[in-house]
Amino acid sequence: MRKSILALSVAAALAAPGLAGADQPAASPVTANVTLASQYIYRGIAQSRGKPAIQGGFDYTNPNGIYLGTWASSISWISDGLSNGTSAVSAPIEIDVYGGYRGSITKDLGYEVGLLTYNYPGTNVPSGAASPDTVELHGALTYAWLTAKYSVTTGTSLFGWVKPDGGKTSGSGYYELDGSWDMGNGLGLSAHVGHQTVNGLSDASYTDYNVGVTKAFSIGTLGLLYSDTNAKSCGDATPMYCNTLYGTGNNYNLGKGALVLSFSKTF
């Protein structure tokens, strides 16, 4: 699901062992979540250009390890960065649909394989540009508090990126390491580092990192996260790609360091 590590650390903070008693009813396989965030950042790149975002989704988890879900967020990055010259590109929302399988190898070692689709309904794609809709396959290993994950784009371009010759950027990969720690009393800490490669377009590859803290209350979870990258914006990119890298037409750097404040609730 297209969530920042902040959302993942919230889940880790809420999933501390020993909370369920033998006399308590089994947890429902279906959950819902909603988040209000000061902005939406994904893989270090601003998706709402520093403006607030509302997010939410539904998840189904079967005891046999199969999971399915959908998640959505308000965005502005497509309309901020593209125009077909006659009308603004319209894609104010991202809708993710995903599924996969989670299992365990040993008590402390788990794994996950899955498929994630990023969908941008209403997109008015300029002539010659690729659709931002993206499909990724991923695999992950988790040992105690540390998760290593690899995602690869398949069959589509990565978020609308195209090679200099106009070819698709399928085969683009994202490598990441994520750590989350339950500190007790509802407090959680997280750290993340990732590297995005864009197949055939090395100028668009970059590294991102973030650190975050969450505090769970009876009414929900408050989170604060700092994110930064070395992604090139219009101000420092190779000139021929200046308008297609991580900056908007007025030189807003989408990959710059930023704080994200959020409030989440799971039902």
C-alpha atoms as a PDB file:
ATOM      1  CA  MET A   1       0.000   0.000   0.000  1.00  0.00           C
ATOM      2  CA  ARG A   2       1.273   3.419  -0.812  1.00  0.00           C
ATOM      3  CA  LYS A   3       1.891   4.593   2.741  1.00  0.00           C
ATOM      4  CA  SER A   4       4.811   6.415   4.243  1.00  0.00           C
ATOM      5  CA  ILE A   5       6.957   4.710   6.863  1.00  0.00           C
ATOM      6  CA  LEU A   6       5.076   6.843   9.387  1.00  0.00           C
ATOM      7  CA  ALA A   7       1.942   4.832   8.706  1.00  0.00           C
ATOM      8  CA  LEU A   8       3.921   1.609   8.978  1.00  0.00           C
ATOM      9  CA  SER A   9       5.412   2.631  12.304  1.00  0.00           C
ATOM     10  CA  VAL A  10       1.926   3.466  13.573  1.00  0.00           C
ATOM     11  CA  ALA A  11       0.891  -0.100  12.792  1.00  0.00           C
ATOM     12  CA  ALA A  12       3.987  -1.442  14.524  1.00  0.00           C
ATOM     13  CA  ALA A  13       3.295   0.640  17.614  1.00  0.00           C
ATOM     14  CA  LEU A  14      -0.266  -0.645  17.804  1.00  0.00           C
ATOM     15  CA  ALA A  15       0.694  -4.286  17.237  1.00  0.00           C
ATOM     16  CA  ALA A  16       2.672  -4.848  20.439  1.00  0.00           C
ATOM     17  CA  PRO A  17       2.452  -8.457  21.648  1.00  0.00           C
ATOM     18  CA  GLY A  18       0.538  -9.465  24.741  1.00  0.00           C
ATOM     19  CA  LEU A  19      -2.460  -7.164  24.255  1.00  0.00           C
ATOM     20  CA  ALA A  20      -4.977  -9.913  23.532  1.00  0.00           C
ATOM     21  CA  GLY A  21      -6.269 -12.067  26.362  1.00  0.00           C
ATOM     22  CA  ALA A  22      -7.672 -15.571  26.100  1.00  0.00           C
ATOM     23  CA  ASP A  23     -11.139 -14.319  27.042  1.00  0.00           C
ATOM     24  CA  GLN A  24     -11.211 -11.624  24.351  1.00  0.00           C
ATOM     25  CA  PRO A  25     -13.021 -12.159  21.026  1.00  0.00           C
ATOM     26  CA  ALA A  26     -10.914 -12.834  17.948  1.00  0.00           C
ATOM     27  CA  ALA A  27      -9.912  -9.742  16.027  1.00  0.00           C
ATOM     28  CA  SER A  28     -11.940  -8.995  12.906  1.00  0.00           C
ATOM     29  CA  PRO A  29     -10.187  -9.860   9.628  1.00  0.00           C
ATOM     30  CA  VAL A  30     -11.395  -6.532   8.208  1.00  0.00           C
ATOM     31  CA  THR A  31     -10.029  -3.191   9.432  1.00  0.00           C
ATOM     32  CA  ALA A  32     -10.392   0.405   8.281  1.00  0.00           C
ATOM     33  CA  ASN A  33      -8.043   3.339   8.744  1.00  0.00           C
ATOM     34  CA  VAL A  34      -8.157   7.092   8.282  1.00  0.00           C
ATOM     35  CA  THR A  35      -5.350   9.657   8.515  1.00  0.00           C
ATOM     36  CA  LEU A  36      -5.122  13.434   8.452  1.00  0.00           C
ATOM     37  CA  ALA A  37      -1.591  14.549   7.550  1.00  0.00           C
ATOM     38  CA  SER A  38       0.097  17.915   7.174  1.00  0.00           C
ATOM     39  CA  GLN A  39       1.324  16.623   3.800  1.00  0.00           C
ATOM     40  CA  TYR A  40       1.703  13.341   1.869  1.00  0.00           C
ATOM     41  CA  ILE A  41       5.264  12.175   1.229  1.00  0.00           C
ATOM     42  CA  TYR A  42       6.057   8.871  -0.473  1.00  0.00           C
ATOM     43  CA  ARG A  43       9.566   7.537  -0.918  1.00  0.00           C
ATOM     44  CA  GLY A  44      10.764  10.985   0.094  1.00  0.00           C
ATOM     45  CA  ILE A  45       8.867  12.821  -2.668  1.00  0.00           C
ATOM     46  CA  ALA A  46       6.061  15.267  -1.860  1.00  0.00           C
ATOM     47  CA  GLN A  47       2.767  14.062  -3.321  1.00  0.00           C
ATOM     48  CA  SER A  48       0.666  17.016  -2.109  1.00  0.00           C
ATOM     49  CA  ARG A  49       3.260  19.799  -2.533  1.00  0.00           C
ATOM     50  CA  GLY A  50       3.519  20.561   1.178  1.00  0.00           C
ATOM     51  CA  LYS A  51      -0.244  20.830   1.640  1.00  0.00           C
ATOM     52  CA  PRO A  52      -2.496  18.751   3.945  1.00  0.00           C
ATOM     53  CA  ALA A  53      -3.775  15.373   2.786  1.00  0.00           C
ATOM     54  CA  ILE A  54      -6.619  13.111   3.854  1.00  0.00           C
ATOM     55  CA  GLN A  55      -6.037   9.372   3.555  1.00  0.00           C
ATOM     56  CA  GLY A  56      -7.796   6.135   4.358  1.00  0.00           C
ATOM     57  CA  GLY A  57      -8.355   2.528   3.419  1.00  0.00           C
ATOM     58  CA  PHE A  58      -9.641  -0.957   4.157  1.00  0.00           C
ATOM     59  CA  ASP A  59      -7.711  -4.189   4.749  1.00  0.00           C
ATOM     60  CA  TYR A  60      -8.698  -7.840   4.845  1.00  0.00           C
ATOM     61  CA  THR A  61      -6.267 -10.327   6.406  1.00  0.00           C
ATOM     62  CA  ASN A  62      -7.011 -14.052   6.355  1.00  0.00           C
ATOM     63  CA  PRO A  63      -5.496 -16.228   9.105  1.00  0.00           C
ATOM     64  CA  ASN A  64      -3.812 -18.296   6.381  1.00  0.00           C
ATOM     65  CA  GLY A  65      -1.650 -15.265   5.468  1.00  0.00           C
ATOM     66  CA  ILE A  66      -3.471 -13.913   2.418  1.00  0.00           C
ATOM     67  CA  TYR A  67      -4.242 -10.196   2.520  1.00  0.00           C
ATOM     68  CA  LEU A  68      -6.173  -7.784   0.293  1.00  0.00           C
ATOM     69  CA  GLY A  69      -6.806  -4.079   0.584  1.00  0.00           C
ATOM     70  CA  THR A  70      -7.274  -0.638  -0.866  1.00  0.00           C
ATOM     71  CA  TRP A  71      -6.000   2.742   0.232  1.00  0.00           C
ATOM     72  CA  ALA A  72      -6.472   6.293  -1.081  1.00  0.00           C
ATOM     73  CA  SER A  73      -5.014   9.756  -0.584  1.00  0.00           C
ATOM     74  CA  SER A  74      -5.545  13.242  -1.905  1.00  0.00           C
ATOM     75  CA  ILE A  75      -2.617  14.344  -4.128  1.00  0.00           C
ATOM     76  CA  SER A  76      -1.532  17.235  -6.334  1.00  0.00           C
ATOM     77  CA  TRP A  77       1.804  16.132  -7.881  1.00  0.00           C
ATOM     78  CA  ILE A  78       0.362  15.254 -11.287  1.00  0.00           C
ATOM     79  CA  SER A  79      -1.493  18.530 -11.790  1.00  0.00           C
ATOM     80  CA  ASP A  80       1.434  20.459 -10.282  1.00  0.00           C
ATOM     81  CA  GLY A  81       3.965  19.024 -12.708  1.00  0.00           C
ATOM     82  CA  LEU A  82       2.105  18.467 -15.975  1.00  0.00           C
ATOM     83  CA  SER A  83      -0.137  20.300 -18.424  1.00  0.00           C
ATOM     84  CA  ASN A  84      -1.161  19.396 -21.947  1.00  0.00           C
ATOM     85  CA  GLY A  85      -1.050  23.049 -23.012  1.00  0.00           C
ATOM     86  CA  THR A  86      -4.813  23.469 -23.259  1.00  0.00           C
ATOM     87  CA  SER A  87      -6.186  22.127 -20.001  1.00  0.00           C
ATOM     88  CA  ALA A  88      -4.726  21.242 -16.646  1.00  0.00           C
ATOM     89  CA  VAL A  89      -4.054  17.609 -15.909  1.00  0.00           C
ATOM     90  CA  SER A  90      -6.716  16.391 -13.487  1.00  0.00           C
ATOM     91  CA  ALA A  91      -5.781  13.692 -10.961  1.00  0.00           C
ATOM     92  CA  PRO A  92      -6.617  14.834  -7.425  1.00  0.00           C
ATOM     93  CA  ILE A  93      -6.604  11.370  -5.871  1.00  0.00           C
ATOM     94  CA  GLU A  94      -4.474   8.240  -5.722  1.00  0.00           C
ATOM     95  CA  ILE A  95      -6.196   4.889  -5.217  1.00  0.00           C
ATOM     96  CA  ASP A  96      -4.072   1.837  -4.432  1.00  0.00           C
ATOM     97  CA  VAL A  97      -5.276  -1.748  -4.712  1.00  0.00           C
ATOM     98  CA  TYR A  98      -3.057  -4.509  -3.380  1.00  0.00           C
ATOM     99  CA  GLY A  99      -2.834  -8.105  -2.273  1.00  0.00           C
ATOM    100  CA  GLY A 100      -0.337 -10.733  -1.290  1.00  0.00           C
ATOM    101  CA  TYR A 101       0.762 -13.330   1.212  1.00  0.00           C
ATOM    102  CA  ARG A 102       2.574 -13.103   4.544  1.00  0.00           C
ATOM    103  CA  GLY A 103       4.210 -16.069   6.229  1.00  0.00           C
ATOM    104  CA  SER A 104       6.907 -17.038   8.702  1.00  0.00           C
ATOM    105  CA  ILE A 105      10.084 -19.088   8.344  1.00  0.00           C
ATOM    106  CA  THR A 106      11.037 -19.114  12.024  1.00  0.00           C
ATOM    107  CA  LYS A 107       9.671 -17.441  15.162  1.00  0.00           C
ATOM    108  CA  ASP A 108      11.556 -14.209  14.403  1.00  0.00           C
ATOM    109  CA  LEU A 109      11.856 -14.388  10.596  1.00  0.00           C
ATOM    110  CA  GLY A 110       8.898 -13.577   8.362  1.00  0.00           C
ATOM    111  CA  TYR A 111       8.367 -12.925   4.680  1.00  0.00           C
ATOM    112  CA  GLU A 112       5.891 -11.247   2.346  1.00  0.00           C
ATOM    113  CA  VAL A 113       5.219 -11.279  -1.392  1.00  0.00           C
ATOM    114  CA  GLY A 114       2.637  -9.117  -3.076  1.00  0.00           C
ATOM    115  CA  LEU A 115       1.364  -6.944  -5.889  1.00  0.00           C
ATOM    116  CA  LEU A 116       0.482  -3.250  -5.604  1.00  0.00           C
ATOM    117  CA  THR A 117      -1.255  -1.078  -8.178  1.00  0.00           C
ATOM    118  CA  TYR A 118      -1.207   2.732  -8.016  1.00  0.00           C
ATOM    119  CA  ASN A 119      -4.185   4.269  -9.835  1.00  0.00           C
ATOM    120  CA  TYR A 120      -4.866   7.922 -10.682  1.00  0.00           C
ATOM    121  CA  PRO A 121      -8.461   8.283 -11.935  1.00  0.00           C
ATOM    122  CA  GLY A 122      -9.312  11.349 -13.974  1.00  0.00           C
ATOM    123  CA  THR A 123      -5.797  11.745 -15.375  1.00  0.00           C
ATOM    124  CA  ASN A 124      -5.653  13.808 -18.561  1.00  0.00           C
ATOM    125  CA  VAL A 125      -2.324  12.593 -19.961  1.00  0.00           C
ATOM    126  CA  PRO A 126      -0.587  14.977 -22.415  1.00  0.00           C
ATOM    127  CA  SER A 127       0.170  13.618 -25.882  1.00  0.00           C
ATOM    128  CA  GLY A 128       3.371  11.553 -25.873  1.00  0.00           C
ATOM    129  CA  ALA A 129       3.435  11.118 -22.091  1.00  0.00           C
ATOM    130  CA  ALA A 130       3.038   7.823 -20.230  1.00  0.00           C
ATOM    131  CA  SER A 131       0.195   7.162 -17.824  1.00  0.00           C
ATOM    132  CA  PRO A 132       1.184   7.583 -14.161  1.00  0.00           C
ATOM    133  CA  ASP A 133      -0.726   4.382 -13.291  1.00  0.00           C
ATOM    134  CA  THR A 134       1.861   1.910 -11.990  1.00  0.00           C
ATOM    135  CA  VAL A 135       2.039  -1.790 -11.122  1.00  0.00           C
ATOM    136  CA  GLU A 136       4.702  -3.134  -8.742  1.00  0.00           C
ATOM    137  CA  LEU A 137       5.636  -6.572  -7.466  1.00  0.00           C
ATOM    138  CA  HIS A 138       7.453  -6.777  -4.138  1.00  0.00           C
ATOM    139  CA  GLY A 139       9.092  -9.174  -1.728  1.00  0.00           C
ATOM    140  CA  ALA A 140      10.202  -8.586   1.854  1.00  0.00           C
ATOM    141  CA  LEU A 141      11.956 -10.291   4.750  1.00  0.00           C
ATOM    142  CA  THR A 142      11.421  -9.219   8.355  1.00  0.00           C
ATOM    143  CA  TYR A 143      13.652 -10.190  11.274  1.00  0.00           C
ATOM    144  CA  ALA A 144      12.508  -8.893  14.658  1.00  0.00           C
ATOM    145  CA  TRP A 145      12.379  -5.083  14.218  1.00  0.00           C
ATOM    146  CA  LEU A 146      14.093  -4.869  10.782  1.00  0.00           C
ATOM    147  CA  THR A 147      12.500  -5.289   7.330  1.00  0.00           C
ATOM    148  CA  ALA A 148      14.307  -5.486   3.976  1.00  0.00           C
ATOM    149  CA  LYS A 149      12.076  -5.018   0.929  1.00  0.00           C
ATOM    150  CA  TYR A 150      12.458  -4.815  -2.850  1.00  0.00           C
ATOM    151  CA  SER A 151       9.770  -3.517  -5.238  1.00  0.00           C
ATOM    152  CA  VAL A 152       9.953  -3.639  -9.040  1.00  0.00           C
ATOM    153  CA  THR A 153       7.741  -2.001 -11.665  1.00  0.00           C
ATOM    154  CA  THR A 154       6.256  -4.466 -14.107  1.00  0.00           C
ATOM    155  CA  GLY A 155       4.349  -3.906 -17.353  1.00  0.00           C
ATOM    156  CA  THR A 156       4.027  -0.137 -16.861  1.00  0.00           C
ATOM    157  CA  SER A 157       6.235   2.909 -16.606  1.00  0.00           C
ATOM    158  CA  LEU A 158       7.100   4.062 -13.072  1.00  0.00           C
ATOM    159  CA  PHE A 159       4.672   6.884 -12.196  1.00  0.00           C
ATOM    160  CA  GLY A 160       4.732   8.177 -15.780  1.00  0.00           C
ATOM    161  CA  TRP A 161       8.521   8.250 -16.239  1.00  0.00           C
ATOM    162  CA  VAL A 162       9.724   7.471 -19.764  1.00  0.00           C
ATOM    163  CA  LYS A 163      13.211   6.849 -21.129  1.00  0.00           C
ATOM    164  CA  PRO A 164      14.861   9.489 -23.354  1.00  0.00           C
ATOM    165  CA  ASP A 165      13.800   7.398 -26.380  1.00  0.00           C
ATOM    166  CA  GLY A 166      10.194   7.296 -25.141  1.00  0.00           C
ATOM    167  CA  GLY A 167      10.305   3.700 -23.900  1.00  0.00           C
ATOM    168  CA  LYS A 168       8.649   2.480 -20.717  1.00  0.00           C
ATOM    169  CA  THR A 169      10.593   2.517 -17.452  1.00  0.00           C
ATOM    170  CA  SER A 170       9.308  -0.899 -16.364  1.00  0.00           C
ATOM    171  CA  GLY A 171      11.965  -2.751 -14.390  1.00  0.00           C
ATOM    172  CA  SER A 172      12.567   0.257 -12.131  1.00  0.00           C
ATOM    173  CA  GLY A 173      13.327  -0.883  -8.590  1.00  0.00           C
ATOM    174  CA  TYR A 174      13.062   0.396  -5.041  1.00  0.00           C
ATOM    175  CA  TYR A 175      15.295  -1.028  -2.301  1.00  0.00           C
ATOM    176  CA  GLU A 176      14.504  -0.225   1.321  1.00  0.00           C
ATOM    177  CA  LEU A 177      15.386  -1.001   4.921  1.00  0.00           C
ATOM    178  CA  ASP A 178      12.830  -0.176   7.610  1.00  0.00           C
ATOM    179  CA  GLY A 179      13.157  -0.412  11.359  1.00  0.00           C
ATOM    180  CA  SER A 180      10.409   0.016  13.962  1.00  0.00           C
ATOM    181  CA  TRP A 181      10.648  -0.177  17.728  1.00  0.00           C
ATOM    182  CA  ASP A 182       7.909  -0.411  20.355  1.00  0.00           C
ATOM    183  CA  MET A 183       9.186   1.680  23.262  1.00  0.00           C
ATOM    184  CA  GLY A 184       6.255   0.910  25.545  1.00  0.00           C
ATOM    185  CA  ASN A 185       3.471   3.168  26.842  1.00  0.00           C
ATOM    186  CA  GLY A 186       2.163   3.640  23.294  1.00  0.00           C
ATOM    187  CA  LEU A 187       5.407   5.165  22.025  1.00  0.00           C
ATOM    188  CA  GLY A 188       6.938   3.951  18.749  1.00  0.00           C
ATOM    189  CA  LEU A 189      10.108   4.896  16.864  1.00  0.00           C
ATOM    190  CA  SER A 190      10.927   4.269  13.194  1.00  0.00           C
ATOM    191  CA  ALA A 191      13.763   4.724  10.723  1.00  0.00           C
ATOM    192  CA  HIS A 192      13.948   4.163   6.965  1.00  0.00           C
ATOM    193  CA  VAL A 193      16.407   4.359   4.095  1.00  0.00           C
ATOM    194  CA  GLY A 194      15.551   3.609   0.472  1.00  0.00           C
ATOM    195  CA  HIS A 195      16.969   3.906  -3.030  1.00  0.00           C
ATOM    196  CA  GLN A 196      14.819   4.379  -6.134  1.00  0.00           C
ATOM    197  CA  THR A 197      16.231   3.416  -9.530  1.00  0.00           C
ATOM    198  CA  VAL A 198      14.472   4.519 -12.727  1.00  0.00           C
ATOM    199  CA  ASN A 199      15.264   2.163 -15.590  1.00  0.00           C
ATOM    200  CA  GLY A 200      16.988   4.014 -18.437  1.00  0.00           C
ATOM    201  CA  LEU A 201      16.912   7.387 -16.665  1.00  0.00           C
ATOM    202  CA  SER A 202      19.742   7.567 -14.145  1.00  0.00           C
ATOM    203  CA  ASP A 203      19.180  11.274 -13.408  1.00  0.00           C
ATOM    204  CA  ALA A 204      15.835  10.343 -11.839  1.00  0.00           C
ATOM    205  CA  SER A 205      17.356   7.787  -9.432  1.00  0.00           C
ATOM    206  CA  TYR A 206      17.802   8.949  -5.843  1.00  0.00           C
ATOM    207  CA  THR A 207      18.121   7.939  -2.178  1.00  0.00           C
ATOM    208  CA  ASP A 208      15.703   8.906   0.597  1.00  0.00           C
ATOM    209  CA  TYR A 209      15.597   8.487   4.356  1.00  0.00           C
ATOM    210  CA  ASN A 210      13.295   9.341   7.244  1.00  0.00           C
ATOM    211  CA  VAL A 211      12.977   9.047  11.010  1.00  0.00           C
ATOM    212  CA  GLY A 212       9.740   9.179  12.941  1.00  0.00           C
ATOM    213  CA  VAL A 213       8.020   8.897  16.293  1.00  0.00           C
ATOM    214  CA  THR A 214       4.430   7.921  17.124  1.00  0.00           C
ATOM    215  CA  LYS A 215       2.345   8.116  20.275  1.00  0.00           C
ATOM    216  CA  ALA A 216      -0.813   6.020  20.606  1.00  0.00           C
ATOM    217  CA  PHE A 217      -3.769   7.441  22.543  1.00  0.00           C
ATOM    218  CA  SER A 218      -7.219   5.990  23.158  1.00  0.00           C
ATOM    219  CA  ILE A 219      -8.688   8.125  20.367  1.00  0.00           C
ATOM    220  CA  GLY A 220      -5.945   7.500  17.799  1.00  0.00           C
ATOM    221  CA  THR A 221      -2.247   7.850  17.058  1.00  0.00           C
ATOM    222  CA  LEU A 222      -0.244  11.050  16.670  1.00  0.00           C
ATOM    223  CA  GLY A 223       2.876  10.912  14.523  1.00  0.00           C
ATOM    224  CA  LEU A 224       5.787  13.145  13.551  1.00  0.00           C
ATOM    225  CA  LEU A 225       8.244  12.259  10.793  1.00  0.00           C
ATOM    226  CA  TYR A 226      11.213  13.959   9.113  1.00  0.00           C
ATOM    227  CA  SER A 227      11.984  12.980   5.509  1.00  0.00           C
ATOM    228  CA  ASP A 228      14.763  14.011   3.102  1.00  0.00           C
ATOM    229  CA  THR A 229      16.322  12.914  -0.217  1.00  0.00           C
ATOM    230  CA  ASN A 230      19.117  13.681  -2.665  1.00  0.00           C
ATOM    231  CA  ALA A 231      16.623  13.762  -5.568  1.00  0.00           C
ATOM    232  CA  LYS A 232      17.347  16.297  -8.297  1.00  0.00           C
ATOM    233  CA  SER A 233      14.894  19.132  -8.763  1.00  0.00           C
ATOM    234  CA  CYS A 234      14.572  21.581 -11.653  1.00  0.00           C
ATOM    235  CA  GLY A 235      17.262  23.719 -10.082  1.00  0.00           C
ATOM    236  CA  ASP A 236      20.021  21.108 -10.245  1.00  0.00           C
ATOM    237  CA  ALA A 237      18.949  18.604 -12.905  1.00  0.00           C
ATOM    238  CA  THR A 238      20.364  17.899 -16.348  1.00  0.00           C
ATOM    239  CA  PRO A 239      18.710  20.659 -18.449  1.00  0.00           C
ATOM    240  CA  MET A 240      16.892  18.362 -20.892  1.00  0.00           C
ATOM    241  CA  TYR A 241      15.100  16.681 -17.975  1.00  0.00           C
ATOM    242  CA  CYS A 242      14.570  19.802 -15.879  1.00  0.00           C
ATOM    243  CA  ASN A 243      10.793  19.805 -16.283  1.00  0.00           C
ATOM    244  CA  THR A 244      10.392  16.081 -15.690  1.00  0.00           C
ATOM    245  CA  LEU A 245      12.408  15.524 -12.519  1.00  0.00           C
ATOM    246  CA  TYR A 246      11.458  16.235  -8.920  1.00  0.00           C
ATOM    247  CA  GLY A 247      10.416  19.860  -9.233  1.00  0.00           C
ATOM    248  CA  THR A 248       7.335  21.756 -10.388  1.00  0.00           C
ATOM    249  CA  GLY A 249       7.175  24.490 -12.991  1.00  0.00           C
ATOM    250  CA  ASN A 250       7.919  27.168 -10.393  1.00  0.00           C
ATOM    251  CA  ASN A 251      10.986  25.283  -9.069  1.00  0.00           C
ATOM    252  CA  TYR A 252       9.291  23.802  -5.998  1.00  0.00           C
ATOM    253  CA  ASN A 253      11.602  20.971  -4.905  1.00  0.00           C
ATOM    254  CA  LEU A 254       9.428  17.913  -4.256  1.00  0.00           C
ATOM    255  CA  GLY A 255      12.306  15.970  -2.675  1.00  0.00           C
ATOM    256  CA  LYS A 256      13.449  18.543  -0.133  1.00  0.00           C
ATOM    257  CA  GLY A 257      13.619  17.856   3.610  1.00  0.00           C
ATOM    258  CA  ALA A 258      10.242  18.148   5.302  1.00  0.00           C
ATOM    259  CA  LEU A 259       8.333  17.365   8.488  1.00  0.00           C
ATOM    260  CA  VAL A 260       5.036  15.475   8.426  1.00  0.00           C
ATOM    261  CA  LEU A 261       2.571  15.688  11.321  1.00  0.00           C
ATOM    262  CA  SER A 262      -0.295  13.207  11.253  1.00  0.00           C
ATOM    263  CA  PHE A 263      -3.197  11.819  13.237  1.00  0.00           C
ATOM    264  CA  SER A 264      -4.414   8.271  12.436  1.00  0.00           C
ATOM    265  CA  LYS A 265      -7.242   6.068  13.601  1.00  0.00           C
ATOM    266  CA  THR A 266      -7.768   2.351  12.932  1.00  0.00           C
ATOM    267  CA  PHE A 267     -11.220   0.785  13.317  1.00  0.00           C
END
